[in-house]
Amino acid sequence: SGKYWILLIATPMLLLGYLYNAGSKPLSYTVLGEWVTGLCYGPGVFGCLYLLSSDELTIPSVLGMFTFACMAMALLLSHQPPQINTDRQAGKHSFAVRYGKDVTIMTVRYLLLASLVSFTVALWLMGDPSIAVSFLIFVIILIIFNSRSVPNPKSLLLSVTTVFAGTLAVKLMTFFSHAL
């Protein structure tokens, strides 16, 4: 109640989301496509949801926005390499069309790493170092496991879900061991 000001942030994000796919020249066909995705999912989705549940912007919340933006962009970019030729023929100026398969794959890896490191720092700053350390251990395992494969949306989602589920399991085991 009383948080109608969030519409000042959410409305432009909604408009960007619409323009991403609308019209004869959608934003997804331009060099802005990946940036719009990061902006809409980071500050747009994560930021607005956080601000609805809290009245203050904190460093962990900004790191959460960055995490979400990087993850969304990594997922978007991870499906582009197989589509380079068809995207080029369709007139899209996607990241993979502009920079090629190898640069796109490396960028996906850097974005994934940036998202996971920023989330680790956010967990640490929230005052639970044991969870941050366990998350970091799962991240290292993820990096080793995926270092030789070409990232794609399915493998990224599965890997990141495994990291979060593993960390949640550690947190639950810690919680229940202290409760007993």
Protein backbone atom coordinates (compact mmCIF):
# COMPACT_ATOMS: atom_id res chain seq x y z
CA SER A 1 0.00 0.00 0.00
CA GLY A 2 1.25 3.46 -0.85
CA LYS A 3 3.93 2.21 -3.22
CA TYR A 4 2.46 3.61 -6.40
CA TRP A 5 5.75 5.42 -7.04
CA ILE A 6 7.10 2.08 -8.27
CA LEU A 7 5.04 2.69 -11.42
CA LEU A 8 7.53 5.44 -12.32
CA ILE A 9 10.16 2.69 -12.66
CA ALA A 10 7.96 -0.14 -13.88
CA THR A 11 6.12 1.71 -16.66
CA PRO A 12 9.21 2.49 -18.78
CA MET A 13 10.38 -1.10 -18.27
CA LEU A 14 7.01 -2.36 -19.47
CA LEU A 15 7.26 -0.13 -22.53
CA LEU A 16 10.78 -1.40 -23.27
CA GLY A 17 9.55 -4.98 -22.91
CA TYR A 18 6.79 -4.30 -25.41
CA LEU A 19 9.12 -2.55 -27.88
CA TYR A 20 11.55 -5.47 -27.62
CA ASN A 21 9.26 -7.55 -29.88
CA ALA A 22 6.79 -5.05 -31.34
CA GLY A 23 6.65 -3.30 -34.66
CA SER A 24 8.50 -3.68 -37.93
CA LYS A 25 11.88 -2.96 -36.29
CA PRO A 26 11.74 -4.39 -32.75
CA LEU A 27 14.52 -3.63 -30.28
CA SER A 28 15.49 -7.31 -30.35
CA TYR A 29 16.70 -6.79 -33.94
CA THR A 30 18.95 -3.88 -32.98
CA VAL A 31 22.23 -3.49 -31.13
CA LEU A 32 20.17 -2.51 -28.07
CA GLY A 33 18.47 -5.92 -27.69
CA GLU A 34 20.84 -7.44 -25.15
CA TRP A 35 21.06 -4.21 -23.14
CA VAL A 36 17.28 -3.88 -23.00
CA THR A 37 17.09 -7.45 -21.69
CA GLY A 38 19.60 -6.73 -18.92
CA LEU A 39 17.88 -3.48 -17.98
CA CYS A 40 14.40 -4.98 -17.90
CA TYR A 41 15.34 -8.07 -15.93
CA GLY A 42 17.89 -6.49 -13.56
CA PRO A 43 16.55 -3.17 -12.32
CA GLY A 44 13.16 -3.80 -13.93
CA VAL A 45 12.11 -7.15 -12.50
CA PHE A 46 14.51 -7.74 -9.60
CA GLY A 47 14.76 -4.08 -8.60
CA CYS A 48 11.03 -3.41 -8.66
CA LEU A 49 10.22 -6.59 -6.74
CA TYR A 50 12.87 -5.74 -4.16
CA LEU A 51 11.60 -2.19 -3.77
CA LEU A 52 8.05 -3.46 -3.32
CA SER A 53 9.20 -5.59 -0.39
CA SER A 54 11.62 -3.06 1.11
CA ASP A 55 11.76 0.68 1.48
CA GLU A 56 15.49 1.12 0.99
CA LEU A 57 18.02 0.37 -1.69
CA THR A 58 21.00 -1.57 -0.32
CA ILE A 59 24.30 -2.76 -1.76
CA PRO A 60 23.08 -6.40 -1.77
CA SER A 61 19.93 -5.34 -3.64
CA VAL A 62 22.00 -3.53 -6.29
CA LEU A 63 24.19 -6.63 -6.57
CA GLY A 64 21.00 -8.68 -6.96
CA MET A 65 19.92 -6.44 -9.84
CA PHE A 66 23.34 -6.84 -11.45
CA THR A 67 23.19 -10.62 -10.91
CA PHE A 68 19.76 -10.89 -12.51
CA ALA A 69 20.72 -8.62 -15.44
CA CYS A 70 23.90 -10.59 -16.19
CA MET A 71 22.10 -13.92 -15.93
CA ALA A 72 19.32 -12.79 -18.28
CA MET A 73 21.85 -11.51 -20.80
CA ALA A 74 23.91 -14.72 -20.56
CA LEU A 75 20.80 -16.81 -21.23
CA LEU A 76 19.84 -14.61 -24.17
CA LEU A 77 23.32 -14.72 -25.69
CA SER A 78 23.72 -18.47 -25.14
CA HIS A 79 21.07 -19.30 -27.72
CA GLN A 80 22.44 -16.95 -30.39
CA PRO A 81 25.49 -18.78 -31.85
CA PRO A 82 23.52 -21.51 -33.67
CA GLN A 83 21.28 -18.80 -35.16
CA ILE A 84 23.96 -16.49 -36.57
CA ASN A 85 23.21 -17.21 -40.24
CA THR A 86 19.42 -17.03 -39.91
CA ASP A 87 19.63 -13.89 -37.75
CA ARG A 88 21.88 -12.25 -40.33
CA GLN A 89 19.46 -13.16 -43.12
CA ALA A 90 16.53 -11.78 -41.10
CA GLY A 91 18.35 -8.47 -40.64
CA LYS A 92 18.95 -8.88 -36.93
CA HIS A 93 21.95 -7.14 -35.42
CA SER A 94 22.28 -9.50 -32.47
CA PHE A 95 25.48 -9.70 -30.47
CA ALA A 96 26.44 -13.00 -32.14
CA VAL A 97 25.88 -11.56 -35.63
CA ARG A 98 28.06 -8.55 -34.77
CA TYR A 99 30.88 -10.34 -32.94
CA GLY A 100 30.75 -13.99 -33.97
CA LYS A 101 30.40 -17.30 -32.20
CA ASP A 102 33.66 -17.35 -30.21
CA VAL A 103 33.26 -13.86 -28.72
CA THR A 104 29.62 -14.60 -27.90
CA ILE A 105 30.50 -17.83 -26.07
CA MET A 106 33.25 -16.08 -24.10
CA THR A 107 30.87 -13.23 -23.25
CA VAL A 108 28.28 -15.74 -21.99
CA ARG A 109 30.92 -17.24 -19.70
CA TYR A 110 31.99 -13.82 -18.39
CA LEU A 111 28.39 -12.76 -17.77
CA LEU A 112 27.66 -16.02 -15.94
CA LEU A 113 30.78 -15.59 -13.82
CA ALA A 114 29.94 -11.94 -13.08
CA SER A 115 26.41 -12.87 -12.02
CA LEU A 116 27.57 -15.65 -9.71
CA VAL A 117 30.38 -13.62 -8.15
CA SER A 118 28.09 -10.64 -7.54
CA PHE A 119 25.52 -12.91 -5.92
CA THR A 120 28.23 -14.45 -3.73
CA VAL A 121 29.26 -10.96 -2.58
CA ALA A 122 25.61 -10.06 -1.92
CA LEU A 123 25.21 -13.18 0.23
CA TRP A 124 28.37 -12.28 2.15
CA LEU A 125 27.21 -8.69 2.72
CA MET A 126 23.84 -9.94 3.97
CA GLY A 127 25.67 -11.37 6.97
CA ASP A 128 25.78 -15.11 6.28
CA PRO A 129 29.36 -15.99 5.30
CA SER A 130 28.73 -19.75 5.55
CA ILE A 131 26.09 -19.55 2.82
CA ALA A 132 28.32 -17.30 0.71
CA VAL A 133 31.18 -19.80 1.01
CA SER A 134 28.96 -22.79 0.19
CA PHE A 135 27.53 -20.89 -2.80
CA LEU A 136 31.08 -20.08 -3.94
CA ILE A 137 32.07 -23.76 -3.68
CA PHE A 138 29.11 -24.73 -5.85
CA VAL A 139 30.07 -21.96 -8.31
CA ILE A 140 33.62 -23.32 -8.57
CA ILE A 141 32.25 -26.81 -9.24
CA LEU A 142 29.92 -25.33 -11.87
CA ILE A 143 32.81 -23.54 -13.60
CA ILE A 144 34.96 -26.68 -13.65
CA PHE A 145 32.07 -28.83 -14.87
CA ASN A 146 31.07 -26.43 -17.67
CA SER A 147 34.51 -25.20 -18.71
CA ARG A 148 34.76 -27.41 -21.79
CA SER A 149 31.17 -27.35 -23.03
CA VAL A 150 29.56 -24.72 -25.22
CA PRO A 151 26.98 -22.88 -23.11
CA ASN A 152 23.34 -23.07 -24.15
CA PRO A 153 20.17 -21.97 -22.34
CA LYS A 154 19.32 -25.47 -21.09
CA SER A 155 22.78 -26.16 -19.64
CA LEU A 156 22.97 -22.69 -18.08
CA LEU A 157 19.59 -22.97 -16.39
CA LEU A 158 20.30 -26.50 -15.18
CA SER A 159 23.72 -25.53 -13.82
CA VAL A 160 22.56 -22.38 -12.06
CA THR A 161 19.52 -24.16 -10.63
CA THR A 162 21.83 -26.85 -9.26
CA VAL A 163 24.03 -24.19 -7.62
CA PHE A 164 21.05 -22.49 -5.99
CA ALA A 165 19.46 -25.80 -4.94
CA GLY A 166 22.74 -27.02 -3.46
CA THR A 167 23.17 -23.79 -1.52
CA LEU A 168 19.58 -23.96 -0.29
CA ALA A 169 20.17 -27.55 0.85
CA VAL A 170 23.24 -26.44 2.83
CA LYS A 171 21.23 -23.61 4.41
CA LEU A 172 18.39 -25.96 5.34
CA MET A 173 20.78 -28.53 6.82
CA THR A 174 22.44 -25.76 8.85
CA PHE A 175 19.08 -24.44 10.00
CA PHE A 176 17.74 -27.84 11.05
CA SER A 177 20.97 -28.90 12.75
CA HIS A 178 20.78 -25.78 14.95
CA ALA A 179 17.06 -26.33 15.60
CA LEU A 180 17.66 -29.79 17.01
